[in-house]
C-alpha atoms as a PDB file:
ATOM      1  CA  MET A   1     -10.386  -0.196  -7.698  1.00  0.00           C
ATOM      2  CA  HIS A   2      -7.224   0.757  -9.878  1.00  0.00           C
ATOM      3  CA  PRO A   3      -5.300  -2.817 -10.552  1.00  0.00           C
ATOM      4  CA  LYS A   4      -1.882  -1.798  -8.591  1.00  0.00           C
ATOM      5  CA  ASN A   5      -3.918  -1.081  -5.641  1.00  0.00           C
ATOM      6  CA  PHE A   6      -3.655  -3.792  -2.613  1.00  0.00           C
ATOM      7  CA  LYS A   7      -6.194  -5.744  -0.897  1.00  0.00           C
ATOM      8  CA  VAL A   8      -6.102  -6.185   2.588  1.00  0.00           C
ATOM      9  CA  GLY A   9      -4.543  -9.402   2.880  1.00  0.00           C
ATOM     10  CA  ASP A  10      -2.101  -9.105  -0.081  1.00  0.00           C
ATOM     11  CA  LEU A  11       1.470 -10.705   0.903  1.00  0.00           C
ATOM     12  CA  LEU A  12       4.201  -8.154  -0.322  1.00  0.00           C
ATOM     13  CA  ARG A  13       7.864  -7.759  -0.265  1.00  0.00           C
ATOM     14  CA  ARG A  14       9.729  -4.988   0.097  1.00  0.00           C
ATOM     15  CA  ILE A  15      12.330  -4.052  -2.816  1.00  0.00           C
ATOM     16  CA  ARG A  16      15.252  -2.877  -1.019  1.00  0.00           C
ATOM     17  CA  THR A  17      15.605  -6.030   1.771  1.00  0.00           C
ATOM     18  CA  GLY A  18      13.447  -8.675   0.383  1.00  0.00           C
ATOM     19  CA  LYS A  19      11.372  -8.552   3.672  1.00  0.00           C
ATOM     20  CA  SER A  20       7.771 -10.030   3.836  1.00  0.00           C
ATOM     21  CA  VAL A  21       4.912  -7.756   4.658  1.00  0.00           C
ATOM     22  CA  LEU A  22       1.152  -8.010   4.969  1.00  0.00           C
ATOM     23  CA  VAL A  23      -1.763  -5.332   4.239  1.00  0.00           C
ATOM     24  CA  VAL A  24      -3.255  -5.390   7.589  1.00  0.00           C
ATOM     25  CA  GLU A  25      -6.276  -2.521   6.622  1.00  0.00           C
ATOM     26  CA  VAL A  26      -6.216   0.139   4.010  1.00  0.00           C
ATOM     27  CA  ARG A  27      -7.980   3.278   4.113  1.00  0.00           C
ATOM     28  CA  TYR A  28      -8.949   6.338   1.894  1.00  0.00           C
ATOM     29  CA  THR A  29      -8.409   9.761   2.282  1.00  0.00           C
ATOM     30  CA  GLY A  30     -10.160  12.434   1.221  1.00  0.00           C
ATOM     31  CA  ARG A  31      -7.422  13.676  -1.077  1.00  0.00           C
ATOM     32  CA  ALA A  32      -7.843  13.405  -5.133  1.00  0.00           C
ATOM     33  CA  VAL A  33      -5.118  11.382  -6.950  1.00  0.00           C
ATOM     34  CA  TYR A  34      -2.239  13.184  -8.468  1.00  0.00           C
ATOM     35  CA  GLY A  35      -3.345  14.836 -11.909  1.00  0.00           C
ATOM     36  CA  LYS A  36      -6.489  13.272 -11.755  1.00  0.00           C
ATOM     37  CA  SER A  37     -10.229  14.951 -10.384  1.00  0.00           C
ATOM     38  CA  LYS A  38     -11.565  11.950  -9.452  1.00  0.00           C
ATOM     39  CA  GLY A  39     -10.525   8.834  -7.403  1.00  0.00           C
ATOM     40  CA  ARG A  40      -9.021   8.914  -3.961  1.00  0.00           C
ATOM     41  CA  ARG A  41      -6.124   8.495  -2.391  1.00  0.00           C
ATOM     42  CA  VAL A  42      -5.461   5.580  -0.561  1.00  0.00           C
ATOM     43  CA  GLN A  43      -3.099   5.080   2.782  1.00  0.00           C
ATOM     44  CA  TYR A  44      -2.066   1.314   3.850  1.00  0.00           C
ATOM     45  CA  CYS A  45      -1.712  -0.573   6.784  1.00  0.00           C
ATOM     46  CA  LEU A  46       1.352  -2.930   6.688  1.00  0.00           C
ATOM     47  CA  LEU A  47       2.756  -5.441   9.736  1.00  0.00           C
ATOM     48  CA  GLU A  48       6.302  -5.318   9.010  1.00  0.00           C
ATOM     49  CA  GLU A  49       8.742  -7.412  11.557  1.00  0.00           C
ATOM     50  CA  GLY A  50       5.940  -6.905  13.897  1.00  0.00           C
ATOM     51  CA  LYS A  51       5.168  -2.977  13.879  1.00  0.00           C
ATOM     52  CA  ARG A  52       1.479  -1.815  12.094  1.00  0.00           C
ATOM     53  CA  VAL A  53       3.263   1.119   9.906  1.00  0.00           C
ATOM     54  CA  TRP A  54       0.926   3.434   7.822  1.00  0.00           C
ATOM     55  CA  LYS A  55       2.378   4.139   3.942  1.00  0.00           C
ATOM     56  CA  HIS A  56       0.518   6.574   1.769  1.00  0.00           C
ATOM     57  CA  ASP A  57       0.237   4.741  -1.778  1.00  0.00           C
ATOM     58  CA  ILE A  58       2.148   6.250  -3.791  1.00  0.00           C
ATOM     59  CA  GLN A  59       5.131   5.441  -0.625  1.00  0.00           C
ATOM     60  CA  ALA A  60       3.719   1.657  -0.837  1.00  0.00           C
ATOM     61  CA  HIS A  61       3.634   1.114  -4.021  1.00  0.00           C
ATOM     62  CA  SER A  62       7.205   2.255  -5.050  1.00  0.00           C
ATOM     63  CA  GLU A  63       8.934   0.685  -2.445  1.00  0.00           C
ATOM     64  CA  TYR A  64       6.916  -2.839  -2.422  1.00  0.00           C
ATOM     65  CA  LYS A  65       5.946  -5.401  -4.949  1.00  0.00           C
ATOM     66  CA  ARG A  66       2.773  -7.776  -4.660  1.00  0.00           C
ATOM     67  CA  ILE A  67       3.907 -11.326  -4.276  1.00  0.00           C
ATOM     68  CA  GLN A  68       2.089 -13.323  -6.768  1.00  0.00           C
END
């Protein structure tokens, strides 16, 4: 797993608003990572304001940062 990938249970902060979200599920897609023949893309299910939202890895990594 790439070190930038989020794991279930990670607490994230949305960069734009500063609101916290929780990663509740991770699923791997059949698509390859951009520019590579190996690896698979990831989708994250985030618990945001009481709603579950699915985000692709590229979108999630650009909108959220892990809280240390």
